[in-house]
PDB file of N, CA and C in Angstrom:
ATOM      1  N   UNK A   1      77.970 209.461   4.269  1.00  0.00           N
ATOM      2  CA  UNK A   1      77.990 210.902   4.421  1.00  0.00           C
ATOM      3  C   UNK A   1      77.542 211.316   5.823  1.00  0.00           C
ATOM      4  N   UNK A   2      76.572 210.580   6.363  1.00  0.00           N
ATOM      5  CA  UNK A   2      76.098 210.904   7.712  1.00  0.00           C
ATOM      6  C   UNK A   2      77.250 210.796   8.704  1.00  0.00           C
ATOM      7  N   UNK A   3      78.068 209.741   8.589  1.00  0.00           N
ATOM      8  CA  UNK A   3      79.198 209.567   9.503  1.00  0.00           C
ATOM      9  C   UNK A   3      80.205 210.706   9.368  1.00  0.00           C
ATOM     10  N   UNK A   4      80.427 211.155   8.151  1.00  0.00           N
ATOM     11  CA  UNK A   4      81.366 212.257   7.920  1.00  0.00           C
ATOM     12  C   UNK A   4      80.855 213.532   8.587  1.00  0.00           C
ATOM     13  N   UNK A   5      79.582 213.805   8.435  1.00  0.00           N
ATOM     14  CA  UNK A   5      78.984 214.986   9.064  1.00  0.00           C
ATOM     15  C   UNK A   5      79.035 214.856  10.581  1.00  0.00           C
ATOM     16  N   UNK A   6      78.758 213.662  11.075  1.00  0.00           N
ATOM     17  CA  UNK A   6      78.806 213.424  12.521  1.00  0.00           C
ATOM     18  C   UNK A   6      80.232 213.602  13.047  1.00  0.00           C
ATOM     19  N   UNK A   7      81.228 213.094  12.319  1.00  0.00           N
ATOM     20  CA  UNK A   7      82.630 213.233  12.729  1.00  0.00           C
ATOM     21  C   UNK A   7      83.068 214.690  12.811  1.00  0.00           C
ATOM     22  N   UNK A   8      82.488 215.545  11.971  1.00  0.00           N
ATOM     23  CA  UNK A   8      82.816 216.974  11.977  1.00  0.00           C
ATOM     24  C   UNK A   8      81.909 217.770  12.919  1.00  0.00           C
ATOM     25  N   UNK A   9      81.201 217.053  13.772  1.00  0.00           N
ATOM     26  CA  UNK A   9      80.354 217.661  14.808  1.00  0.00           C
ATOM     27  C   UNK A   9      79.118 218.362  14.259  1.00  0.00           C
ATOM     28  N   UNK A  10      78.627 217.887  13.111  1.00  0.00           N
ATOM     29  CA  UNK A  10      77.335 218.368  12.631  1.00  0.00           C
ATOM     30  C   UNK A  10      76.259 217.980  13.634  1.00  0.00           C
ATOM     31  N   UNK A  11      75.227 218.779  13.736  1.00  0.00           N
ATOM     32  CA  UNK A  11      74.189 218.573  14.752  1.00  0.00           C
ATOM     33  C   UNK A  11      72.843 218.265  14.108  1.00  0.00           C
ATOM     34  N   UNK A  12      71.992 217.576  14.861  1.00  0.00           N
ATOM     35  CA  UNK A  12      70.610 217.290  14.446  1.00  0.00           C
ATOM     36  C   UNK A  12      70.554 216.728  13.021  1.00  0.00           C
ATOM     37  N   UNK A  13      71.301 215.662  12.800  1.00  0.00           N
ATOM     38  CA  UNK A  13      71.413 215.064  11.470  1.00  0.00           C
ATOM     39  C   UNK A  13      70.197 214.191  11.189  1.00  0.00           C
ATOM     40  N   UNK A  14      69.630 214.361  10.001  1.00  0.00           N
ATOM     41  CA  UNK A  14      68.471 213.568   9.575  1.00  0.00           C
ATOM     42  C   UNK A  14      68.751 213.022   8.176  1.00  0.00           C
ATOM     43  N   UNK A  15      68.492 211.731   8.001  1.00  0.00           N
ATOM     44  CA  UNK A  15      68.551 211.095   6.686  1.00  0.00           C
ATOM     45  C   UNK A  15      67.128 210.744   6.293  1.00  0.00           C
ATOM     46  N   UNK A  16      66.672 211.308   5.170  1.00  0.00           N
ATOM     47  CA  UNK A  16      65.293 211.122   4.717  1.00  0.00           C
ATOM     48  C   UNK A  16      65.267 210.412   3.369  1.00  0.00           C
ATOM     49  N   UNK A  17      64.373 209.448   3.226  1.00  0.00           N
ATOM     50  CA  UNK A  17      64.129 208.795   1.943  1.00  0.00           C
ATOM     51  C   UNK A  17      63.012 209.569   1.251  1.00  0.00           C
ATOM     52  N   UNK A  18      63.372 210.309   0.203  1.00  0.00           N
ATOM     53  CA  UNK A  18      62.384 211.114  -0.527  1.00  0.00           C
ATOM     54  C   UNK A  18      62.060 210.507  -1.890  1.00  0.00           C
ATOM     55  N   UNK A  19      62.478 209.272  -2.118  1.00  0.00           N
ATOM     56  CA  UNK A  19      62.360 208.662  -3.451  1.00  0.00           C
ATOM     57  C   UNK A  19      60.921 208.559  -3.951  1.00  0.00           C
ATOM     58  N   UNK A  20      59.970 208.432  -3.054  1.00  0.00           N
ATOM     59  CA  UNK A  20      58.565 208.343  -3.481  1.00  0.00           C
ATOM     60  C   UNK A  20      57.938 209.710  -3.737  1.00  0.00           C
ATOM     61  N   UNK A  21      58.569 210.759  -3.246  1.00  0.00           N
ATOM     62  CA  UNK A  21      58.036 212.108  -3.405  1.00  0.00           C
ATOM     63  C   UNK A  21      58.817 212.938  -4.421  1.00  0.00           C
ATOM     64  N   UNK A  22      59.928 212.430  -4.913  1.00  0.00           N
ATOM     65  CA  UNK A  22      60.822 213.250  -5.729  1.00  0.00           C
ATOM     66  C   UNK A  22      61.310 212.509  -6.968  1.00  0.00           C
ATOM     67  N   UNK A  23      61.522 213.273  -8.035  1.00  0.00           N
ATOM     68  CA  UNK A  23      62.150 212.695  -9.219  1.00  0.00           C
ATOM     69  C   UNK A  23      63.609 213.137  -9.360  1.00  0.00           C
ATOM     70  N   UNK A  24      64.060 214.076  -8.528  1.00  0.00           N
ATOM     71  CA  UNK A  24      65.414 214.606  -8.679  1.00  0.00           C
ATOM     72  C   UNK A  24      66.426 214.013  -7.716  1.00  0.00           C
ATOM     73  N   UNK A  25      65.971 213.319  -6.679  1.00  0.00           N
ATOM     74  CA  UNK A  25      66.888 212.708  -5.717  1.00  0.00           C
ATOM     75  C   UNK A  25      66.152 211.611  -4.962  1.00  0.00           C
ATOM     76  N   UNK A  26      66.923 210.742  -4.339  1.00  0.00           N
ATOM     77  CA  UNK A  26      66.348 209.672  -3.523  1.00  0.00           C
ATOM     78  C   UNK A  26      66.421 209.973  -2.026  1.00  0.00           C
ATOM     79  N   UNK A  27      67.437 210.732  -1.632  1.00  0.00           N
ATOM     80  CA  UNK A  27      67.654 210.985  -0.209  1.00  0.00           C
ATOM     81  C   UNK A  27      68.038 212.442   0.037  1.00  0.00           C
ATOM     82  N   UNK A  28      67.632 212.934   1.196  1.00  0.00           N
ATOM     83  CA  UNK A  28      68.112 214.194   1.745  1.00  0.00           C
ATOM     84  C   UNK A  28      68.900 213.859   2.999  1.00  0.00           C
ATOM     85  N   UNK A  29      70.013 214.512   3.173  1.00  0.00           N
ATOM     86  CA  UNK A  29      70.697 214.539   4.462  1.00  0.00           C
ATOM     87  C   UNK A  29      70.632 215.990   4.913  1.00  0.00           C
ATOM     88  N   UNK A  30      70.094 216.205   6.093  1.00  0.00           N
ATOM     89  CA  UNK A  30      69.932 217.555   6.638  1.00  0.00           C
ATOM     90  C   UNK A  30      70.693 217.610   7.957  1.00  0.00           C
ATOM     91  N   UNK A  31      71.484 218.673   8.140  1.00  0.00           N
ATOM     92  CA  UNK A  31      72.245 218.816   9.380  1.00  0.00           C
ATOM     93  C   UNK A  31      72.469 220.291   9.681  1.00  0.00           C
ATOM     94  N   UNK A  32      72.758 220.568  10.936  1.00  0.00           N
ATOM     95  CA  UNK A  32      73.070 221.921  11.395  1.00  0.00           C
ATOM     96  C   UNK A  32      74.564 222.072  11.619  1.00  0.00           C
ATOM     97  N   UNK A  33      75.042 223.286  11.383  1.00  0.00           N
ATOM     98  CA  UNK A  33      76.360 223.710  11.814  1.00  0.00           C
ATOM     99  C   UNK A  33      76.173 224.895  12.740  1.00  0.00           C
ATOM    100  N   UNK A  34      76.975 224.969  13.782  1.00  0.00           N
ATOM    101  CA  UNK A  34      76.784 225.997  14.802  1.00  0.00           C
ATOM    102  C   UNK A  34      77.274 227.379  14.366  1.00  0.00           C
ATOM    103  N   UNK A  35      78.113 227.437  13.326  1.00  0.00           N
ATOM    104  CA  UNK A  35      78.670 228.718  12.874  1.00  0.00           C
ATOM    105  C   UNK A  35      78.960 228.640  11.375  1.00  0.00           C
ATOM    106  N   UNK A  36      79.251 229.795  10.773  1.00  0.00           N
ATOM    107  CA  UNK A  36      79.643 229.815   9.355  1.00  0.00           C
ATOM    108  C   UNK A  36      80.879 228.954   9.136  1.00  0.00           C
ATOM    109  N   UNK A  37      81.812 229.071  10.039  1.00  0.00           N
ATOM    110  CA  UNK A  37      83.057 228.300   9.931  1.00  0.00           C
ATOM    111  C   UNK A  37      82.778 226.801   9.949  1.00  0.00           C
ATOM    112  N   UNK A  38      81.896 226.375  10.846  1.00  0.00           N
ATOM    113  CA  UNK A  38      81.574 224.954  10.905  1.00  0.00           C
ATOM    114  C   UNK A  38      80.813 224.515   9.654  1.00  0.00           C
ATOM    115  N   UNK A  39      79.905 225.344   9.151  1.00  0.00           N
ATOM    116  CA  UNK A  39      79.197 225.003   7.916  1.00  0.00           C
ATOM    117  C   UNK A  39      80.186 224.788   6.775  1.00  0.00           C
ATOM    118  N   UNK A  40      81.185 225.659   6.666  1.00  0.00           N
ATOM    119  CA  UNK A  40      82.191 225.508   5.612  1.00  0.00           C
ATOM    120  C   UNK A  40      82.994 224.226   5.803  1.00  0.00           C
ATOM    121  N   UNK A  41      83.344 223.914   7.052  1.00  0.00           N
ATOM    122  CA  UNK A  41      84.104 222.688   7.329  1.00  0.00           C
ATOM    123  C   UNK A  41      83.282 221.446   6.991  1.00  0.00           C
ATOM    124  N   UNK A  42      81.996 221.469   7.329  1.00  0.00           N
ATOM    125  CA  UNK A  42      81.115 220.350   6.988  1.00  0.00           C
ATOM    126  C   UNK A  42      81.011 220.190   5.475  1.00  0.00           C
ATOM    127  N   UNK A  43      80.831 221.302   4.770  1.00  0.00           N
ATOM    128  CA  UNK A  43      80.712 221.257   3.309  1.00  0.00           C
ATOM    129  C   UNK A  43      81.993 220.728   2.674  1.00  0.00           C
ATOM    130  N   UNK A  44      83.115 221.164   3.165  1.00  0.00           N
ATOM    131  CA  UNK A  44      84.396 220.698   2.623  1.00  0.00           C
ATOM    132  C   UNK A  44      84.577 219.200   2.862  1.00  0.00           C
ATOM    133  N   UNK A  45      84.211 218.726   4.044  1.00  0.00           N
ATOM    134  CA  UNK A  45      84.335 217.296   4.344  1.00  0.00           C
ATOM    135  C   UNK A  45      83.435 216.459   3.439  1.00  0.00           C
ATOM    136  N   UNK A  46      82.206 216.906   3.232  1.00  0.00           N
ATOM    137  CA  UNK A  46      81.279 216.190   2.345  1.00  0.00           C
ATOM    138  C   UNK A  46      81.799 216.223   0.912  1.00  0.00           C
ATOM    139  N   UNK A  47      82.260 217.375   0.462  1.00  0.00           N
ATOM    140  CA  UNK A  47      82.786 217.507  -0.902  1.00  0.00           C
ATOM    141  C   UNK A  47      84.001 216.614  -1.115  1.00  0.00           C
ATOM    142  N   UNK A  48      84.917 216.618  -0.149  1.00  0.00           N
ATOM    143  CA  UNK A  48      86.120 215.784  -0.264  1.00  0.00           C
ATOM    144  C   UNK A  48      85.756 214.306  -0.321  1.00  0.00           C
ATOM    145  N   UNK A  49      84.839 213.883   0.531  1.00  0.00           N
ATOM    146  CA  UNK A  49      84.440 212.475   0.562  1.00  0.00           C
ATOM    147  C   UNK A  49      83.707 212.075  -0.708  1.00  0.00           C
ATOM    148  N   UNK A  50      82.909 212.959  -1.241  1.00  0.00           N
ATOM    149  CA  UNK A  50      82.107 212.617  -2.417  1.00  0.00           C
ATOM    150  C   UNK A  50      82.913 212.653  -3.706  1.00  0.00           C
ATOM    151  N   UNK A  51      83.976 213.420  -3.751  1.00  0.00           N
ATOM    152  CA  UNK A  51      84.738 213.522  -5.001  1.00  0.00           C
ATOM    153  C   UNK A  51      85.344 212.183  -5.390  1.00  0.00           C
ATOM    154  N   UNK A  52      85.692 211.361  -4.424  1.00  0.00           N
ATOM    155  CA  UNK A  52      86.197 210.032  -4.731  1.00  0.00           C
ATOM    156  C   UNK A  52      85.102 209.070  -5.142  1.00  0.00           C
ATOM    157  N   UNK A  53      83.913 209.260  -4.604  1.00  0.00           N
ATOM    158  CA  UNK A  53      82.801 208.357  -4.889  1.00  0.00           C
ATOM    159  C   UNK A  53      82.058 208.729  -6.161  1.00  0.00           C
ATOM    160  N   UNK A  54      81.922 210.001  -6.417  1.00  0.00           N
ATOM    161  CA  UNK A  54      81.099 210.481  -7.528  1.00  0.00           C
ATOM    162  C   UNK A  54      81.914 211.407  -8.419  1.00  0.00           C
ATOM    163  N   UNK A  55      82.892 210.859  -9.084  1.00  0.00           N
ATOM    164  CA  UNK A  55      83.823 211.671  -9.864  1.00  0.00           C
ATOM    165  C   UNK A  55      83.146 212.480 -10.955  1.00  0.00           C
ATOM    166  N   UNK A  56      82.036 212.018 -11.474  1.00  0.00           N
ATOM    167  CA  UNK A  56      81.387 212.715 -12.589  1.00  0.00           C
ATOM    168  C   UNK A  56      80.335 213.710 -12.135  1.00  0.00           C
ATOM    169  N   UNK A  57      80.073 213.762 -10.879  1.00  0.00           N
ATOM    170  CA  UNK A  57      79.064 214.692 -10.357  1.00  0.00           C
ATOM    171  C   UNK A  57      79.719 216.028 -10.026  1.00  0.00           C
ATOM    172  N   UNK A  58      78.967 217.082 -10.266  1.00  0.00           N
ATOM    173  CA  UNK A  58      79.443 218.414  -9.907  1.00  0.00           C
ATOM    174  C   UNK A  58      79.082 218.664  -8.448  1.00  0.00           C
ATOM    175  N   UNK A  59      80.081 218.988  -7.669  1.00  0.00           N
ATOM    176  CA  UNK A  59      79.861 219.294  -6.255  1.00  0.00           C
ATOM    177  C   UNK A  59      80.076 220.788  -6.067  1.00  0.00           C
ATOM    178  N   UNK A  60      79.091 221.452  -5.499  1.00  0.00           N
ATOM    179  CA  UNK A  60      79.185 222.898  -5.303  1.00  0.00           C
ATOM    180  C   UNK A  60      80.275 223.219  -4.295  1.00  0.00           C
ATOM    181  N   UNK A  61      81.108 224.177  -4.649  1.00  0.00           N
ATOM    182  CA  UNK A  61      82.201 224.553  -3.765  1.00  0.00           C
ATOM    183  C   UNK A  61      82.178 226.048  -3.431  1.00  0.00           C
ATOM    184  N   UNK A  62      81.039 226.652  -3.485  1.00  0.00           N
ATOM    185  CA  UNK A  62      80.916 228.062  -3.118  1.00  0.00           C
ATOM    186  C   UNK A  62      80.538 228.171  -1.646  1.00  0.00           C
ATOM    187  N   UNK A  63      81.227 227.449  -0.808  1.00  0.00           N
ATOM    188  CA  UNK A  63      80.855 227.353   0.599  1.00  0.00           C
ATOM    189  C   UNK A  63      80.888 228.693   1.320  1.00  0.00           C
ATOM    190  N   UNK A  64      81.808 229.585   0.956  1.00  0.00           N
ATOM    191  CA  UNK A  64      81.886 230.877   1.642  1.00  0.00           C
ATOM    192  C   UNK A  64      80.588 231.660   1.506  1.00  0.00           C
ATOM    193  N   UNK A  65      80.117 231.821   0.269  1.00  0.00           N
ATOM    194  CA  UNK A  65      78.880 232.571   0.038  1.00  0.00           C
ATOM    195  C   UNK A  65      77.686 231.876   0.678  1.00  0.00           C
ATOM    196  N   UNK A  66      77.615 230.580   0.512  1.00  0.00           N
ATOM    197  CA  UNK A  66      76.472 229.840   1.031  1.00  0.00           C
ATOM    198  C   UNK A  66      76.471 229.808   2.558  1.00  0.00           C
ATOM    199  N   UNK A  67      77.642 229.708   3.174  1.00  0.00           N
ATOM    200  CA  UNK A  67      77.705 229.694   4.634  1.00  0.00           C
ATOM    201  C   UNK A  67      77.177 231.001   5.206  1.00  0.00           C
ATOM    202  N   UNK A  68      77.455 232.117   4.533  1.00  0.00           N
ATOM    203  CA  UNK A  68      76.947 233.406   4.995  1.00  0.00           C
ATOM    204  C   UNK A  68      75.430 233.442   4.970  1.00  0.00           C
ATOM    205  N   UNK A  69      74.831 232.731   4.022  1.00  0.00           N
ATOM    206  CA  UNK A  69      73.367 232.702   3.937  1.00  0.00           C
ATOM    207  C   UNK A  69      72.765 231.756   4.967  1.00  0.00           C
ATOM    208  N   UNK A  70      73.587 230.865   5.533  1.00  0.00           N
ATOM    209  CA  UNK A  70      73.086 229.910   6.514  1.00  0.00           C
ATOM    210  C   UNK A  70      72.566 228.622   5.911  1.00  0.00           C
ATOM    211  N   UNK A  71      72.789 228.416   4.608  1.00  0.00           N
ATOM    212  CA  UNK A  71      72.321 227.187   3.959  1.00  0.00           C
ATOM    213  C   UNK A  71      73.291 226.817   2.851  1.00  0.00           C
ATOM    214  N   UNK A  72      73.933 225.675   3.008  1.00  0.00           N
ATOM    215  CA  UNK A  72      74.806 225.135   1.968  1.00  0.00           C
ATOM    216  C   UNK A  72      74.133 223.888   1.419  1.00  0.00           C
ATOM    217  N   UNK A  73      73.962 223.845   0.115  1.00  0.00           N
ATOM    218  CA  UNK A  73      73.355 222.699  -0.557  1.00  0.00           C
ATOM    219  C   UNK A  73      74.420 222.027  -1.413  1.00  0.00           C
ATOM    220  N   UNK A  74      74.564 220.720  -1.252  1.00  0.00           N
ATOM    221  CA  UNK A  74      75.509 219.949  -2.052  1.00  0.00           C
ATOM    222  C   UNK A  74      74.725 218.843  -2.746  1.00  0.00           C
ATOM    223  N   UNK A  75      74.674 218.910  -4.060  1.00  0.00           N
ATOM    224  CA  UNK A  75      73.921 217.946  -4.869  1.00  0.00           C
ATOM    225  C   UNK A  75      74.860 216.833  -5.310  1.00  0.00           C
ATOM    226  N   UNK A  76      74.632 215.643  -4.781  1.00  0.00           N
ATOM    227  CA  UNK A  76      75.459 214.489  -5.114  1.00  0.00           C
ATOM    228  C   UNK A  76      74.728 213.529  -6.047  1.00  0.00           C
ATOM    229  N   UNK A  77      73.729 214.017  -6.725  1.00  0.00           N
ATOM    230  CA  UNK A  77      72.946 213.154  -7.613  1.00  0.00           C
ATOM    231  C   UNK A  77      71.759 212.584  -6.867  1.00  0.00           C
ATOM    232  N   UNK A  78      71.849 211.349  -6.460  1.00  0.00           N
ATOM    233  CA  UNK A  78      70.756 210.711  -5.735  1.00  0.00           C
ATOM    234  C   UNK A  78      70.611 211.182  -4.301  1.00  0.00           C
ATOM    235  N   UNK A  79      71.630 211.854  -3.805  1.00  0.00           N
ATOM    236  CA  UNK A  79      71.625 212.364  -2.429  1.00  0.00           C
ATOM    237  C   UNK A  79      71.856 213.871  -2.474  1.00  0.00           C
ATOM    238  N   UNK A  80      71.010 214.614  -1.774  1.00  0.00           N
ATOM    239  CA  UNK A  80      71.197 216.059  -1.647  1.00  0.00           C
ATOM    240  C   UNK A  80      71.461 216.353  -0.175  1.00  0.00           C
ATOM    241  N   UNK A  81      72.586 217.007   0.086  1.00  0.00           N
ATOM    242  CA  UNK A  81      72.986 217.344   1.451  1.00  0.00           C
ATOM    243  C   UNK A  81      72.642 218.808   1.698  1.00  0.00           C
ATOM    244  N   UNK A  82      71.900 219.055   2.769  1.00  0.00           N
ATOM    245  CA  UNK A  82      71.523 220.410   3.182  1.00  0.00           C
ATOM    246  C   UNK A  82      72.199 220.684   4.523  1.00  0.00           C
ATOM    247  N   UNK A  83      73.072 221.672   4.556  1.00  0.00           N
ATOM    248  CA  UNK A  83      73.747 222.075   5.783  1.00  0.00           C
ATOM    249  C   UNK A  83      73.234 223.460   6.157  1.00  0.00           C
ATOM    250  N   UNK A  84      72.643 223.557   7.333  1.00  0.00           N
ATOM    251  CA  UNK A  84      71.958 224.776   7.756  1.00  0.00           C
ATOM    252  C   UNK A  84      72.541 225.358   9.031  1.00  0.00           C
ATOM    253  N   UNK A  85      72.374 226.676   9.185  1.00  0.00           N
ATOM    254  CA  UNK A  85      72.457 227.275  10.511  1.00  0.00           C
ATOM    255  C   UNK A  85      71.143 226.899  11.199  1.00  0.00           C
ATOM    256  N   UNK A  86      71.106 226.848  12.530  1.00  0.00           N
ATOM    257  CA  UNK A  86      69.846 226.492  13.198  1.00  0.00           C
ATOM    258  C   UNK A  86      68.679 227.402  12.802  1.00  0.00           C
ATOM    259  N   UNK A  87      68.928 228.703  12.661  1.00  0.00           N
ATOM    260  CA  UNK A  87      67.842 229.635  12.315  1.00  0.00           C
ATOM    261  C   UNK A  87      67.302 229.369  10.913  1.00  0.00           C
ATOM    262  N   UNK A  88      68.185 229.133   9.959  1.00  0.00           N
ATOM    263  CA  UNK A  88      67.735 228.881   8.588  1.00  0.00           C
ATOM    264  C   UNK A  88      67.035 227.527   8.471  1.00  0.00           C
ATOM    265  N   UNK A  89      67.489 226.562   9.229  1.00  0.00           N
ATOM    266  CA  UNK A  89      66.811 225.260   9.195  1.00  0.00           C
ATOM    267  C   UNK A  89      65.379 225.395   9.689  1.00  0.00           C
ATOM    268  N   UNK A  90      65.215 226.144  10.764  1.00  0.00           N
ATOM    269  CA  UNK A  90      63.866 226.365  11.285  1.00  0.00           C
ATOM    270  C   UNK A  90      63.026 227.142  10.270  1.00  0.00           C
ATOM    271  N   UNK A  91      63.621 228.148   9.656  1.00  0.00           N
ATOM    272  CA  UNK A  91      62.906 228.984   8.685  1.00  0.00           C
ATOM    273  C   UNK A  91      62.428 228.171   7.475  1.00  0.00           C
ATOM    274  N   UNK A  92      63.312 227.388   6.879  1.00  0.00           N
ATOM    275  CA  UNK A  92      62.953 226.644   5.666  1.00  0.00           C
ATOM    276  C   UNK A  92      62.191 225.356   5.954  1.00  0.00           C
ATOM    277  N   UNK A  93      62.380 224.774   7.121  1.00  0.00           N
ATOM    278  CA  UNK A  93      61.596 223.631   7.594  1.00  0.00           C
ATOM    279  C   UNK A  93      61.447 222.524   6.538  1.00  0.00           C
ATOM    280  N   UNK A  94      62.570 222.047   6.012  1.00  0.00           N
ATOM    281  CA  UNK A  94      62.508 220.996   4.992  1.00  0.00           C
ATOM    282  C   UNK A  94      61.832 219.731   5.500  1.00  0.00           C
ATOM    283  N   UNK A  95      62.059 219.395   6.765  1.00  0.00           N
ATOM    284  CA  UNK A  95      61.394 218.204   7.313  1.00  0.00           C
ATOM    285  C   UNK A  95      59.882 218.351   7.256  1.00  0.00           C
ATOM    286  N   UNK A  96      59.372 219.547   7.502  1.00  0.00           N
ATOM    287  CA  UNK A  96      57.936 219.787   7.415  1.00  0.00           C
ATOM    288  C   UNK A  96      57.435 219.777   5.982  1.00  0.00           C
ATOM    289  N   UNK A  97      58.212 220.367   5.076  1.00  0.00           N
ATOM    290  CA  UNK A  97      57.823 220.387   3.665  1.00  0.00           C
ATOM    291  C   UNK A  97      57.813 218.988   3.054  1.00  0.00           C
ATOM    292  N   UNK A  98      58.709 218.153   3.525  1.00  0.00           N
ATOM    293  CA  UNK A  98      58.823 216.788   3.013  1.00  0.00           C
ATOM    294  C   UNK A  98      58.324 215.788   4.060  1.00  0.00           C
ATOM    295  N   UNK A  99      57.258 216.127   4.761  1.00  0.00           N
ATOM    296  CA  UNK A  99      56.768 215.308   5.878  1.00  0.00           C
ATOM    297  C   UNK A  99      56.315 213.913   5.464  1.00  0.00           C
ATOM    298  N   UNK A 100      56.012 213.709   4.187  1.00  0.00           N
ATOM    299  CA  UNK A 100      55.614 212.380   3.713  1.00  0.00           C
ATOM    300  C   UNK A 100      56.816 211.453   3.542  1.00  0.00           C
ATOM    301  N   UNK A 101      58.009 212.013   3.543  1.00  0.00           N
ATOM    302  CA  UNK A 101      59.225 211.212   3.375  1.00  0.00           C
ATOM    303  C   UNK A 101      59.474 210.367   4.619  1.00  0.00           C
ATOM    304  N   UNK A 102      60.115 209.247   4.411  1.00  0.00           N
ATOM    305  CA  UNK A 102      60.441 208.348   5.518  1.00  0.00           C
ATOM    306  C   UNK A 102      61.764 208.787   6.148  1.00  0.00           C
ATOM    307  N   UNK A 103      61.765 208.945   7.466  1.00  0.00           N
ATOM    308  CA  UNK A 103      62.985 209.260   8.206  1.00  0.00           C
ATOM    309  C   UNK A 103      63.722 207.938   8.436  1.00  0.00           C
ATOM    310  N   UNK A 104      64.910 207.813   7.866  1.00  0.00           N
ATOM    311  CA  UNK A 104      65.691 206.589   8.008  1.00  0.00           C
ATOM    312  C   UNK A 104      66.630 206.640   9.201  1.00  0.00           C
ATOM    313  N   UNK A 105      67.072 207.843   9.554  1.00  0.00           N
ATOM    314  CA  UNK A 105      68.030 207.991  10.636  1.00  0.00           C
ATOM    315  C   UNK A 105      67.927 209.397  11.202  1.00  0.00           C
ATOM    316  N   UNK A 106      68.044 209.472  12.512  1.00  0.00           N
ATOM    317  CA  UNK A 106      68.058 210.774  13.188  1.00  0.00           C
ATOM    318  C   UNK A 106      69.163 210.715  14.246  1.00  0.00           C
ATOM    319  N   UNK A 107      70.142 211.616  14.129  1.00  0.00           N
ATOM    320  CA  UNK A 107      71.257 211.675  15.072  1.00  0.00           C
ATOM    321  C   UNK A 107      71.218 213.038  15.743  1.00  0.00           C
ATOM    322  N   UNK A 108      71.038 213.065  17.037  1.00  0.00           N
ATOM    323  CA  UNK A 108      70.979 214.330  17.769  1.00  0.00           C
ATOM    324  C   UNK A 108      72.373 214.707  18.175  1.00  0.00           C
TER     325      UNK A 108
END
C-alpha cells in the first residue's frame, strides 16, 4: 500500500506498527495529499488495490465527503490507511497520539 500511495504522489508517508498498542489493527499508514482531488485519487488507488487482496473487507468509498473534511480513513482490517490534508494531519497528530508505536518506514 505504501508503494501505491507513493506512486500517486502521496507525501510524508509513515508506516507505523501499532500492534502492541491496539486491538483493532496492526498497522497505520499515514500520508498527505496536497488537495481534495489528490486525496480522492489516493483513496481510489488504495481501494482498488485492496479490493483484490481483501475481498471480504469493507472499504470505505465515500471519498468525496471525506476529502472535503481533509481526512479519508480506509479500514483494511489489520491495516488502517489515513489520508490527510497537511492541515488536518497536523491538527489530529496521529503520530503524536500513537507515539509508542514503532515507525517501520518514513517516506518524505
